[in-house]
Every structure is written in structure tokens, then in C-alpha cells.
Amino acid sequence: MDHTQLLGAEKYGSAVFWQPVDDWTGLKGRVIEVHEQGQIIDRGAVDSVTADGLILWLAFDGALPRRLVEKLPGRYVRVLP
């Protein structure tokens, strides 16, 4: 898959830039990265999203069944292929 097919990705020459997803309501079932202050702080498949899109739950394998992620200033989501 060409990385320009990422949700919100744009290609300029050979570089690919992505835009954060503003509306989290449609992310259920998608695999995402959560970024904060330029760092990846979490990654996983979106298990559920609140109707207002302010909170989502990431599904995990292992001891933790899922983790809550709150939409806060400075926190961004990137959809992975």
C-alpha cells in the first residue's frame, strides 16, 4: 500500500506528510497511533468511541483488555494502514 493512502496523508515529492484526525467518531475498528508532544504514546485498534468523539478505547492483546484515550489539547491521532 502506498503511504499516501493513509487517512489524511498527503504526498509532496517523495515525502509523505500526515494530518491528524480531528473527528474521532469514525475510528472504530481502525488501527491508530496516539501522538502527544511529538512522541507516539500509544498504538492499537480502536474498540469503541463515544458518540461525541471525545473518548476512545484501544483494544490490546495481553493483560490489559483495553485502554481509554481522551481527546486533549496537544494529543493527536494518526490512522495506520
Protein backbone atom coordinates (compact mmCIF):
# COMPACT_ATOMS: atom_id res chain seq x y z
CA MET A 1 0.00 0.00 0.00
CA ASP A 2 1.24 3.47 -0.89
CA HIS A 3 1.60 5.54 2.29
CA THR A 4 -0.37 8.36 0.62
CA GLN A 5 -3.43 6.16 1.12
CA LEU A 6 -3.26 6.78 4.87
CA LEU A 7 -6.22 8.77 6.12
CA GLY A 8 -5.19 12.41 5.96
CA ALA A 9 -1.84 11.74 4.27
CA GLU A 10 -0.54 13.99 1.52
CA LYS A 11 2.47 13.43 -0.71
CA TYR A 12 4.87 16.22 -1.70
CA GLY A 13 7.61 14.91 -3.97
CA SER A 14 8.95 11.80 -2.26
CA ALA A 15 7.94 12.89 1.27
CA VAL A 16 4.65 11.85 2.87
CA PHE A 17 3.05 14.10 5.47
CA TRP A 18 0.02 13.16 7.54
CA GLN A 19 -2.68 15.29 9.08
CA PRO A 20 -4.10 14.40 12.49
CA VAL A 21 -7.67 13.05 12.56
CA ASP A 22 -9.92 15.72 14.06
CA ASP A 23 -13.16 13.72 14.15
CA TRP A 24 -12.67 10.57 16.21
CA THR A 25 -16.28 9.34 15.80
CA GLY A 26 -15.46 7.24 12.71
CA LEU A 27 -12.36 5.49 14.07
CA LYS A 28 -13.96 2.30 15.45
CA GLY A 29 -12.12 -0.72 14.04
CA ARG A 30 -9.19 1.33 12.71
CA VAL A 31 -5.58 0.88 13.88
CA ILE A 32 -4.17 4.16 15.16
CA GLU A 33 -1.20 5.82 16.81
CA VAL A 34 -1.74 8.40 19.53
CA HIS A 35 0.78 11.26 19.49
CA GLU A 36 1.49 13.79 22.22
CA GLN A 37 4.25 16.44 22.18
CA GLY A 38 5.77 14.87 19.05
CA GLN A 39 6.00 11.37 20.57
CA ILE A 40 3.96 8.22 20.00
CA ILE A 41 2.36 7.47 23.36
CA ASP A 42 0.02 4.65 22.36
CA ARG A 43 -0.96 2.41 19.47
CA GLY A 44 -3.76 -0.10 18.89
CA ALA A 45 -7.09 -0.93 17.29
CA VAL A 46 -9.99 1.32 18.26
CA ASP A 47 -12.50 -0.84 20.14
CA SER A 48 -15.10 1.85 20.85
CA VAL A 49 -15.67 5.61 20.59
CA THR A 50 -18.10 7.84 22.49
CA ALA A 51 -20.87 9.48 20.44
CA ASP A 52 -19.24 12.91 20.86
CA GLY A 53 -15.82 11.57 19.77
CA LEU A 54 -14.01 12.84 22.87
CA ILE A 55 -13.04 9.42 24.25
CA LEU A 56 -11.96 6.20 22.56
CA TRP A 57 -10.84 2.80 23.79
CA LEU A 58 -7.90 0.94 22.29
CA ALA A 59 -8.03 -2.86 22.27
CA PHE A 60 -4.91 -4.72 23.39
CA ASP A 61 -3.57 -8.24 23.43
CA GLY A 62 -2.28 -9.40 26.77
CA ALA A 63 -3.03 -8.45 30.36
CA LEU A 64 -4.82 -5.15 29.68
CA PRO A 65 -8.07 -5.69 27.75
CA ARG A 66 -8.33 -2.06 26.57
CA ARG A 67 -7.16 1.45 27.39
CA LEU A 68 -9.09 4.74 27.48
CA VAL A 69 -7.72 7.64 25.40
CA GLU A 70 -9.16 11.11 25.98
CA LYS A 71 -9.07 13.81 23.30
CA LEU A 72 -6.97 16.55 24.91
CA PRO A 73 -5.17 19.64 23.59
CA GLY A 74 -1.83 18.57 22.13
CA ARG A 75 -2.91 14.94 21.63
CA TYR A 76 -3.28 13.75 18.04
CA VAL A 77 -4.37 10.55 16.31
CA ARG A 78 -2.89 9.08 13.14
CA VAL A 79 -4.66 6.25 11.30
CA LEU A 80 -2.32 3.44 10.20
CA PRO A 81 -2.76 1.33 7.06
